[in-house]
Amino acid sequence: YWEEKVFAQVIEYYERENQLSRAIEVTNCAIKIHSYSPDFYLKKAQLLIDNHQESQALKVLEEASIFAPLDAEIGILRAEALARMGLH
């Protein structure tokens, strides 16, 4: 199993290479192993938004809110996803 830092580096690599689907796959693996880390949920939500999968991003943000209910980034990403869906 990889440490969180290694997962973050691999995700960042794929993101830089504009391979969002690969980055999402790695994020899924990171969530399976480090399921209590809200950072990976937030990263996955951002990647899904960037990949025009806003409704899936909203589901991931619901999961993230279980582990970090007071995290402001959840609200920001939720607003971004809703805005991209045209739901103001």
PDB file of N, CA and C in Angstrom:
ATOM      1  N   TYR A   1       0.830  -1.188   0.000  1.00  0.00           N
ATOM      2  CA  TYR A   1       0.000   0.000   0.000  1.00  0.00           C
ATOM      3  C   TYR A   1       0.869   1.244   0.000  1.00  0.00           C
ATOM      4  N   TRP A   2       0.440   2.207  -0.769  1.00  0.00           N
ATOM      5  CA  TRP A   2       1.165   3.476  -0.833  1.00  0.00           C
ATOM      6  C   TRP A   2       0.717   4.403   0.275  1.00  0.00           C
ATOM      7  N   GLU A   3       1.634   5.243   0.688  1.00  0.00           N
ATOM      8  CA  GLU A   3       1.300   6.287   1.646  1.00  0.00           C
ATOM      9  C   GLU A   3       0.505   7.374   0.925  1.00  0.00           C
ATOM     10  N   GLU A   4      -0.158   8.196   1.685  1.00  0.00           N
ATOM     11  CA  GLU A   4      -0.967   9.268   1.109  1.00  0.00           C
ATOM     12  C   GLU A   4      -0.137  10.184   0.214  1.00  0.00           C
ATOM     13  N   LYS A   5       1.080  10.470   0.634  1.00  0.00           N
ATOM     14  CA  LYS A   5       1.948  11.373  -0.127  1.00  0.00           C
ATOM     15  C   LYS A   5       2.249  10.809  -1.514  1.00  0.00           C
ATOM     16  N   VAL A   6       2.475   9.515  -1.603  1.00  0.00           N
ATOM     17  CA  VAL A   6       2.779   8.886  -2.893  1.00  0.00           C
ATOM     18  C   VAL A   6       1.560   8.943  -3.804  1.00  0.00           C
ATOM     19  N   PHE A   7       0.400   8.641  -3.258  1.00  0.00           N
ATOM     20  CA  PHE A   7      -0.829   8.752  -4.048  1.00  0.00           C
ATOM     21  C   PHE A   7      -0.994  10.171  -4.574  1.00  0.00           C
ATOM     22  N   ALA A   8      -0.776  11.156  -3.711  1.00  0.00           N
ATOM     23  CA  ALA A   8      -0.931  12.558  -4.107  1.00  0.00           C
ATOM     24  C   ALA A   8       0.018  12.909  -5.248  1.00  0.00           C
ATOM     25  N   GLN A   9       1.234  12.398  -5.204  1.00  0.00           N
ATOM     26  CA  GLN A   9       2.202  12.681  -6.260  1.00  0.00           C
ATOM     27  C   GLN A   9       1.792  12.043  -7.582  1.00  0.00           C
ATOM     28  N   VAL A  10       1.287  10.828  -7.530  1.00  0.00           N
ATOM     29  CA  VAL A  10       0.854  10.147  -8.757  1.00  0.00           C
ATOM     30  C   VAL A  10      -0.368  10.851  -9.352  1.00  0.00           C
ATOM     31  N   ILE A  11      -1.295  11.219  -8.503  1.00  0.00           N
ATOM     32  CA  ILE A  11      -2.478  11.944  -8.974  1.00  0.00           C
ATOM     33  C   ILE A  11      -2.068  13.255  -9.622  1.00  0.00           C
ATOM     34  N   GLU A  12      -1.165  13.967  -8.981  1.00  0.00           N
ATOM     35  CA  GLU A  12      -0.681  15.241  -9.513  1.00  0.00           C
ATOM     36  C   GLU A  12       0.009  15.045 -10.861  1.00  0.00           C
ATOM     37  N   TYR A  13       0.769  13.979 -10.997  1.00  0.00           N
ATOM     38  CA  TYR A  13       1.441  13.689 -12.270  1.00  0.00           C
ATOM     39  C   TYR A  13       0.414  13.535 -13.391  1.00  0.00           C
ATOM     40  N   TYR A  14      -0.590  12.687 -13.166  1.00  0.00           N
ATOM     41  CA  TYR A  14      -1.599  12.470 -14.201  1.00  0.00           C
ATOM     42  C   TYR A  14      -2.394  13.744 -14.483  1.00  0.00           C
ATOM     43  N   GLU A  15      -2.600  14.533 -13.471  1.00  0.00           N
ATOM     44  CA  GLU A  15      -3.308  15.795 -13.665  1.00  0.00           C
ATOM     45  C   GLU A  15      -2.483  16.743 -14.539  1.00  0.00           C
ATOM     46  N   ARG A  16      -1.187  16.823 -14.273  1.00  0.00           N
ATOM     47  CA  ARG A  16      -0.301  17.664 -15.094  1.00  0.00           C
ATOM     48  C   ARG A  16      -0.257  17.184 -16.539  1.00  0.00           C
ATOM     49  N   GLU A  17      -0.323  15.865 -16.727  1.00  0.00           N
ATOM     50  CA  GLU A  17      -0.278  15.283 -18.067  1.00  0.00           C
ATOM     51  C   GLU A  17      -1.648  15.323 -18.753  1.00  0.00           C
ATOM     52  N   ASN A  18      -2.615  15.943 -18.096  1.00  0.00           N
ATOM     53  CA  ASN A  18      -3.983  16.081 -18.611  1.00  0.00           C
ATOM     54  C   ASN A  18      -4.633  14.724 -18.872  1.00  0.00           C
ATOM     55  N   GLN A  19      -4.354  13.775 -18.001  1.00  0.00           N
ATOM     56  CA  GLN A  19      -4.963  12.444 -18.055  1.00  0.00           C
ATOM     57  C   GLN A  19      -5.901  12.315 -16.865  1.00  0.00           C
ATOM     58  N   LEU A  20      -7.014  13.043 -16.949  1.00  0.00           N
ATOM     59  CA  LEU A  20      -7.928  13.124 -15.813  1.00  0.00           C
ATOM     60  C   LEU A  20      -8.536  11.775 -15.455  1.00  0.00           C
ATOM     61  N   SER A  21      -8.837  10.957 -16.447  1.00  0.00           N
ATOM     62  CA  SER A  21      -9.432   9.650 -16.128  1.00  0.00           C
ATOM     63  C   SER A  21      -8.455   8.787 -15.343  1.00  0.00           C
ATOM     64  N   ARG A  22      -7.175   8.856 -15.677  1.00  0.00           N
ATOM     65  CA  ARG A  22      -6.162   8.111 -14.904  1.00  0.00           C
ATOM     66  C   ARG A  22      -6.034   8.671 -13.492  1.00  0.00           C
ATOM     67  N   ALA A  23      -6.059   9.987 -13.393  1.00  0.00           N
ATOM     68  CA  ALA A  23      -5.969  10.619 -12.080  1.00  0.00           C
ATOM     69  C   ALA A  23      -7.153  10.209 -11.212  1.00  0.00           C
ATOM     70  N   ILE A  24      -8.337  10.115 -11.808  1.00  0.00           N
ATOM     71  CA  ILE A  24      -9.527   9.686 -11.070  1.00  0.00           C
ATOM     72  C   ILE A  24      -9.382   8.232 -10.623  1.00  0.00           C
ATOM     73  N   GLU A  25      -8.837   7.381 -11.482  1.00  0.00           N
ATOM     74  CA  GLU A  25      -8.609   5.973 -11.118  1.00  0.00           C
ATOM     75  C   GLU A  25      -7.687   5.864  -9.911  1.00  0.00           C
ATOM     76  N   VAL A  26      -6.598   6.612  -9.931  1.00  0.00           N
ATOM     77  CA  VAL A  26      -5.650   6.575  -8.814  1.00  0.00           C
ATOM     78  C   VAL A  26      -6.305   7.118  -7.550  1.00  0.00           C
ATOM     79  N   THR A  27      -7.134   8.147  -7.705  1.00  0.00           N
ATOM     80  CA  THR A  27      -7.844   8.705  -6.558  1.00  0.00           C
ATOM     81  C   THR A  27      -8.797   7.672  -5.968  1.00  0.00           C
ATOM     82  N   ASN A  28      -9.450   6.893  -6.828  1.00  0.00           N
ATOM     83  CA  ASN A  28     -10.322   5.818  -6.341  1.00  0.00           C
ATOM     84  C   ASN A  28      -9.533   4.817  -5.506  1.00  0.00           C
ATOM     85  N   CYS A  29      -8.348   4.454  -5.969  1.00  0.00           N
ATOM     86  CA  CYS A  29      -7.490   3.530  -5.207  1.00  0.00           C
ATOM     87  C   CYS A  29      -7.077   4.147  -3.873  1.00  0.00           C
ATOM     88  N   ALA A  30      -6.741   5.423  -3.906  1.00  0.00           N
ATOM     89  CA  ALA A  30      -6.340   6.112  -2.674  1.00  0.00           C
ATOM     90  C   ALA A  30      -7.483   6.123  -1.669  1.00  0.00           C
ATOM     91  N   ILE A  31      -8.706   6.328  -2.153  1.00  0.00           N
ATOM     92  CA  ILE A  31      -9.862   6.349  -1.257  1.00  0.00           C
ATOM     93  C   ILE A  31     -10.109   4.968  -0.659  1.00  0.00           C
ATOM     94  N   LYS A  32      -9.895   3.920  -1.452  1.00  0.00           N
ATOM     95  CA  LYS A  32     -10.078   2.563  -0.924  1.00  0.00           C
ATOM     96  C   LYS A  32      -9.121   2.277   0.219  1.00  0.00           C
ATOM     97  N   ILE A  33      -7.899   2.748   0.095  1.00  0.00           N
ATOM     98  CA  ILE A  33      -6.877   2.459   1.103  1.00  0.00           C
ATOM     99  C   ILE A  33      -6.917   3.463   2.258  1.00  0.00           C
ATOM    100  N   HIS A  34      -7.120   4.722   1.937  1.00  0.00           N
ATOM    101  CA  HIS A  34      -7.134   5.790   2.937  1.00  0.00           C
ATOM    102  C   HIS A  34      -8.538   6.397   2.990  1.00  0.00           C
ATOM    103  N   SER A  35      -9.503   5.578   3.324  1.00  0.00           N
ATOM    104  CA  SER A  35     -10.903   5.979   3.224  1.00  0.00           C
ATOM    105  C   SER A  35     -11.309   7.085   4.198  1.00  0.00           C
ATOM    106  N   TYR A  36     -10.510   7.345   5.199  1.00  0.00           N
ATOM    107  CA  TYR A  36     -10.855   8.386   6.166  1.00  0.00           C
ATOM    108  C   TYR A  36     -10.161   9.710   5.878  1.00  0.00           C
ATOM    109  N   SER A  37      -9.484   9.807   4.754  1.00  0.00           N
ATOM    110  CA  SER A  37      -8.786  11.035   4.394  1.00  0.00           C
ATOM    111  C   SER A  37      -9.669  11.886   3.475  1.00  0.00           C
ATOM    112  N   PRO A  38     -10.192  12.992   3.982  1.00  0.00           N
ATOM    113  CA  PRO A  38     -11.071  13.815   3.143  1.00  0.00           C
ATOM    114  C   PRO A  38     -10.351  14.439   1.951  1.00  0.00           C
ATOM    115  N   ASP A  39      -9.036  14.555   2.019  1.00  0.00           N
ATOM    116  CA  ASP A  39      -8.285  15.174   0.928  1.00  0.00           C
ATOM    117  C   ASP A  39      -8.492  14.442  -0.395  1.00  0.00           C
ATOM    118  N   PHE A  40      -8.534  13.128  -0.361  1.00  0.00           N
ATOM    119  CA  PHE A  40      -8.707  12.378  -1.604  1.00  0.00           C
ATOM    120  C   PHE A  40     -10.127  12.520  -2.154  1.00  0.00           C
ATOM    121  N   TYR A  41     -11.097  12.630  -1.272  1.00  0.00           N
ATOM    122  CA  TYR A  41     -12.469  12.877  -1.729  1.00  0.00           C
ATOM    123  C   TYR A  41     -12.555  14.241  -2.412  1.00  0.00           C
ATOM    124  N   LEU A  42     -11.923  15.227  -1.805  1.00  0.00           N
ATOM    125  CA  LEU A  42     -11.937  16.568  -2.377  1.00  0.00           C
ATOM    126  C   LEU A  42     -11.212  16.601  -3.723  1.00  0.00           C
ATOM    127  N   LYS A  43     -10.098  15.907  -3.799  1.00  0.00           N
ATOM    128  CA  LYS A  43      -9.343  15.861  -5.052  1.00  0.00           C
ATOM    129  C   LYS A  43     -10.167  15.170  -6.129  1.00  0.00           C
ATOM    130  N   LYS A  44     -10.819  14.073  -5.764  1.00  0.00           N
ATOM    131  CA  LYS A  44     -11.642  13.355  -6.737  1.00  0.00           C
ATOM    132  C   LYS A  44     -12.785  14.238  -7.225  1.00  0.00           C
ATOM    133  N   ALA A  45     -13.413  14.952  -6.313  1.00  0.00           N
ATOM    134  CA  ALA A  45     -14.503  15.848  -6.707  1.00  0.00           C
ATOM    135  C   ALA A  45     -14.003  16.910  -7.681  1.00  0.00           C
ATOM    136  N   GLN A  46     -12.842  17.495  -7.398  1.00  0.00           N
ATOM    137  CA  GLN A  46     -12.289  18.509  -8.301  1.00  0.00           C
ATOM    138  C   GLN A  46     -11.985  17.916  -9.671  1.00  0.00           C
ATOM    139  N   LEU A  47     -11.405  16.725  -9.690  1.00  0.00           N
ATOM    140  CA  LEU A  47     -11.101  16.068 -10.963  1.00  0.00           C
ATOM    141  C   LEU A  47     -12.378  15.761 -11.741  1.00  0.00           C
ATOM    142  N   LEU A  48     -13.413  15.323 -11.045  1.00  0.00           N
ATOM    143  CA  LEU A  48     -14.685  15.039 -11.723  1.00  0.00           C
ATOM    144  C   LEU A  48     -15.296  16.311 -12.292  1.00  0.00           C
ATOM    145  N   ILE A  49     -15.214  17.399 -11.557  1.00  0.00           N
ATOM    146  CA  ILE A  49     -15.717  18.685 -12.062  1.00  0.00           C
ATOM    147  C   ILE A  49     -14.933  19.088 -13.300  1.00  0.00           C
ATOM    148  N   ASP A  50     -13.619  18.964 -13.233  1.00  0.00           N
ATOM    149  CA  ASP A  50     -12.769  19.306 -14.377  1.00  0.00           C
ATOM    150  C   ASP A  50     -13.052  18.416 -15.582  1.00  0.00           C
ATOM    151  N   ASN A  51     -13.546  17.207 -15.316  1.00  0.00           N
ATOM    152  CA  ASN A  51     -13.840  16.236 -16.376  1.00  0.00           C
ATOM    153  C   ASN A  51     -15.328  16.262 -16.764  1.00  0.00           C
ATOM    154  N   HIS A  52     -16.038  17.329 -16.355  1.00  0.00           N
ATOM    155  CA  HIS A  52     -17.451  17.548 -16.708  1.00  0.00           C
ATOM    156  C   HIS A  52     -18.359  16.441 -16.175  1.00  0.00           C
ATOM    157  N   GLN A  53     -18.071  15.951 -14.976  1.00  0.00           N
ATOM    158  CA  GLN A  53     -18.891  14.932 -14.324  1.00  0.00           C
ATOM    159  C   GLN A  53     -19.376  15.488 -12.985  1.00  0.00           C
ATOM    160  N   GLU A  54     -20.101  16.600 -13.096  1.00  0.00           N
ATOM    161  CA  GLU A  54     -20.496  17.343 -11.905  1.00  0.00           C
ATOM    162  C   GLU A  54     -21.416  16.558 -10.976  1.00  0.00           C
ATOM    163  N   SER A  55     -22.359  15.798 -11.519  1.00  0.00           N
ATOM    164  CA  SER A  55     -23.283  15.065 -10.652  1.00  0.00           C
ATOM    165  C   SER A  55     -22.538  14.013  -9.825  1.00  0.00           C
ATOM    166  N   GLN A  56     -21.540  13.373 -10.418  1.00  0.00           N
ATOM    167  CA  GLN A  56     -20.731  12.418  -9.657  1.00  0.00           C
ATOM    168  C   GLN A  56     -19.904  13.144  -8.599  1.00  0.00           C
ATOM    169  N   ALA A  57     -19.424  14.329  -8.944  1.00  0.00           N
ATOM    170  CA  ALA A  57     -18.646  15.121  -7.993  1.00  0.00           C
ATOM    171  C   ALA A  57     -19.487  15.468  -6.768  1.00  0.00           C
ATOM    172  N   LEU A  58     -20.761  15.780  -6.981  1.00  0.00           N
ATOM    173  CA  LEU A  58     -21.637  16.100  -5.854  1.00  0.00           C
ATOM    174  C   LEU A  58     -21.806  14.903  -4.925  1.00  0.00           C
ATOM    175  N   LYS A  59     -21.872  13.698  -5.485  1.00  0.00           N
ATOM    176  CA  LYS A  59     -21.977  12.492  -4.662  1.00  0.00           C
ATOM    177  C   LYS A  59     -20.708  12.300  -3.821  1.00  0.00           C
ATOM    178  N   VAL A  60     -19.563  12.540  -4.435  1.00  0.00           N
ATOM    179  CA  VAL A  60     -18.285  12.409  -3.722  1.00  0.00           C
ATOM    180  C   VAL A  60     -18.202  13.447  -2.606  1.00  0.00           C
ATOM    181  N   LEU A  61     -18.706  14.643  -2.867  1.00  0.00           N
ATOM    182  CA  LEU A  61     -18.679  15.685  -1.846  1.00  0.00           C
ATOM    183  C   LEU A  61     -19.578  15.331  -0.665  1.00  0.00           C
ATOM    184  N   GLU A  62     -20.665  14.623  -0.922  1.00  0.00           N
ATOM    185  CA  GLU A  62     -21.511  14.151   0.181  1.00  0.00           C
ATOM    186  C   GLU A  62     -20.727  13.189   1.070  1.00  0.00           C
ATOM    187  N   GLU A  63     -19.960  12.306   0.452  1.00  0.00           N
ATOM    188  CA  GLU A  63     -19.119  11.386   1.222  1.00  0.00           C
ATOM    189  C   GLU A  63     -18.071  12.153   2.017  1.00  0.00           C
ATOM    190  N   ALA A  64     -17.461  13.151   1.377  1.00  0.00           N
ATOM    191  CA  ALA A  64     -16.422  13.947   2.045  1.00  0.00           C
ATOM    192  C   ALA A  64     -16.979  14.657   3.261  1.00  0.00           C
ATOM    193  N   SER A  65     -18.229  15.090   3.179  1.00  0.00           N
ATOM    194  CA  SER A  65     -18.814  15.829   4.297  1.00  0.00           C
ATOM    195  C   SER A  65     -19.000  14.947   5.537  1.00  0.00           C
ATOM    196  N   ILE A  66     -19.002  13.645   5.355  1.00  0.00           N
ATOM    197  CA  ILE A  66     -19.069  12.728   6.501  1.00  0.00           C
ATOM    198  C   ILE A  66     -17.782  12.809   7.325  1.00  0.00           C
ATOM    199  N   PHE A  67     -16.646  12.888   6.630  1.00  0.00           N
ATOM    200  CA  PHE A  67     -15.351  12.877   7.298  1.00  0.00           C
ATOM    201  C   PHE A  67     -14.862  14.265   7.688  1.00  0.00           C
ATOM    202  N   ALA A  68     -15.350  15.285   6.993  1.00  0.00           N
ATOM    203  CA  ALA A  68     -14.915  16.659   7.285  1.00  0.00           C
ATOM    204  C   ALA A  68     -16.090  17.617   7.113  1.00  0.00           C
ATOM    205  N   PRO A  69     -17.072  17.542   8.010  1.00  0.00           N
ATOM    206  CA  PRO A  69     -18.292  18.336   7.834  1.00  0.00           C
ATOM    207  C   PRO A  69     -18.085  19.852   7.854  1.00  0.00           C
ATOM    208  N   LEU A  70     -17.009  20.309   8.442  1.00  0.00           N
ATOM    209  CA  LEU A  70     -16.768  21.746   8.539  1.00  0.00           C
ATOM    210  C   LEU A  70     -15.767  22.264   7.514  1.00  0.00           C
ATOM    211  N   ASP A  71     -15.344  21.428   6.590  1.00  0.00           N
ATOM    212  CA  ASP A  71     -14.352  21.829   5.595  1.00  0.00           C
ATOM    213  C   ASP A  71     -14.993  22.781   4.584  1.00  0.00           C
ATOM    214  N   ALA A  72     -14.467  23.981   4.505  1.00  0.00           N
ATOM    215  CA  ALA A  72     -15.016  25.007   3.614  1.00  0.00           C
ATOM    216  C   ALA A  72     -14.877  24.635   2.144  1.00  0.00           C
ATOM    217  N   GLU A  73     -13.858  23.860   1.819  1.00  0.00           N
ATOM    218  CA  GLU A  73     -13.627  23.495   0.420  1.00  0.00           C
ATOM    219  C   GLU A  73     -14.774  22.647  -0.137  1.00  0.00           C
ATOM    220  N   ILE A  74     -15.442  21.903   0.714  1.00  0.00           N
ATOM    221  CA  ILE A  74     -16.590  21.108   0.274  1.00  0.00           C
ATOM    222  C   ILE A  74     -17.673  22.033  -0.279  1.00  0.00           C
ATOM    223  N   GLY A  75     -17.953  23.093   0.437  1.00  0.00           N
ATOM    224  CA  GLY A  75     -18.957  24.061  -0.022  1.00  0.00           C
ATOM    225  C   GLY A  75     -18.545  24.761  -1.301  1.00  0.00           C
ATOM    226  N   ILE A  76     -17.275  25.090  -1.394  1.00  0.00           N
ATOM    227  CA  ILE A  76     -16.769  25.766  -2.599  1.00  0.00           C
ATOM    228  C   ILE A  76     -16.890  24.851  -3.809  1.00  0.00           C
ATOM    229  N   LEU A  77     -16.464  23.602  -3.665  1.00  0.00           N
ATOM    230  CA  LEU A  77     -16.555  22.655  -4.779  1.00  0.00           C
ATOM    231  C   LEU A  77     -18.012  22.347  -5.133  1.00  0.00           C
ATOM    232  N   ARG A  78     -18.868  22.264  -4.130  1.00  0.00           N
ATOM    233  CA  ARG A  78     -20.294  22.031  -4.382  1.00  0.00           C
ATOM    234  C   ARG A  78     -20.872  23.187  -5.200  1.00  0.00           C
ATOM    235  N   ALA A  79     -20.518  24.413  -4.823  1.00  0.00           N
ATOM    236  CA  ALA A  79     -20.992  25.587  -5.561  1.00  0.00           C
ATOM    237  C   ALA A  79     -20.460  25.585  -6.997  1.00  0.00           C
ATOM    238  N   GLU A  80     -19.205  25.211  -7.164  1.00  0.00           N
ATOM    239  CA  GLU A  80     -18.624  25.147  -8.514  1.00  0.00           C
ATOM    240  C   GLU A  80     -19.333  24.122  -9.371  1.00  0.00           C
ATOM    241  N   ALA A  81     -19.604  22.940  -8.806  1.00  0.00           N
ATOM    242  CA  ALA A  81     -20.290  21.885  -9.554  1.00  0.00           C
ATOM    243  C   ALA A  81     -21.705  22.334  -9.934  1.00  0.00           C
ATOM    244  N   LEU A  82     -22.422  22.903  -8.991  1.00  0.00           N
ATOM    245  CA  LEU A  82     -23.780  23.363  -9.269  1.00  0.00           C
ATOM    246  C   LEU A  82     -23.811  24.474 -10.313  1.00  0.00           C
ATOM    247  N   ALA A  83     -22.839  25.382 -10.242  1.00  0.00           N
ATOM    248  CA  ALA A  83     -22.761  26.469 -11.220  1.00  0.00           C
ATOM    249  C   ALA A  83     -22.500  25.921 -12.617  1.00  0.00           C
ATOM    250  N   ARG A  84     -21.630  24.947 -12.721  1.00  0.00           N
ATOM    251  CA  ARG A  84     -21.350  24.354 -14.033  1.00  0.00           C
ATOM    252  C   ARG A  84     -22.537  23.592 -14.580  1.00  0.00           C
ATOM    253  N   MET A  85     -23.413  23.129 -13.678  1.00  0.00           N
ATOM    254  CA  MET A  85     -24.625  22.432 -14.102  1.00  0.00           C
ATOM    255  C   MET A  85     -25.743  23.443 -14.415  1.00  0.00           C
ATOM    256  N   GLY A  86     -25.471  24.722 -14.183  1.00  0.00           N
ATOM    257  CA  GLY A  86     -26.465  25.745 -14.432  1.00  0.00           C
ATOM    258  C   GLY A  86     -27.483  25.888 -13.325  1.00  0.00           C
ATOM    259  N   LEU A  87     -27.180  25.364 -12.157  1.00  0.00           N
ATOM    260  CA  LEU A  87     -28.081  25.430 -11.004  1.00  0.00           C
ATOM    261  C   LEU A  87     -27.541  26.460 -10.019  1.00  0.00           C
ATOM    262  N   HIS A  88     -27.976  27.684 -10.164  1.00  0.00           N
ATOM    263  CA  HIS A  88     -27.472  28.784  -9.321  1.00  0.00           C
ATOM    264  C   HIS A  88     -28.283  28.924  -8.072  1.00  0.00           C
TER     265      HIS A  88
END
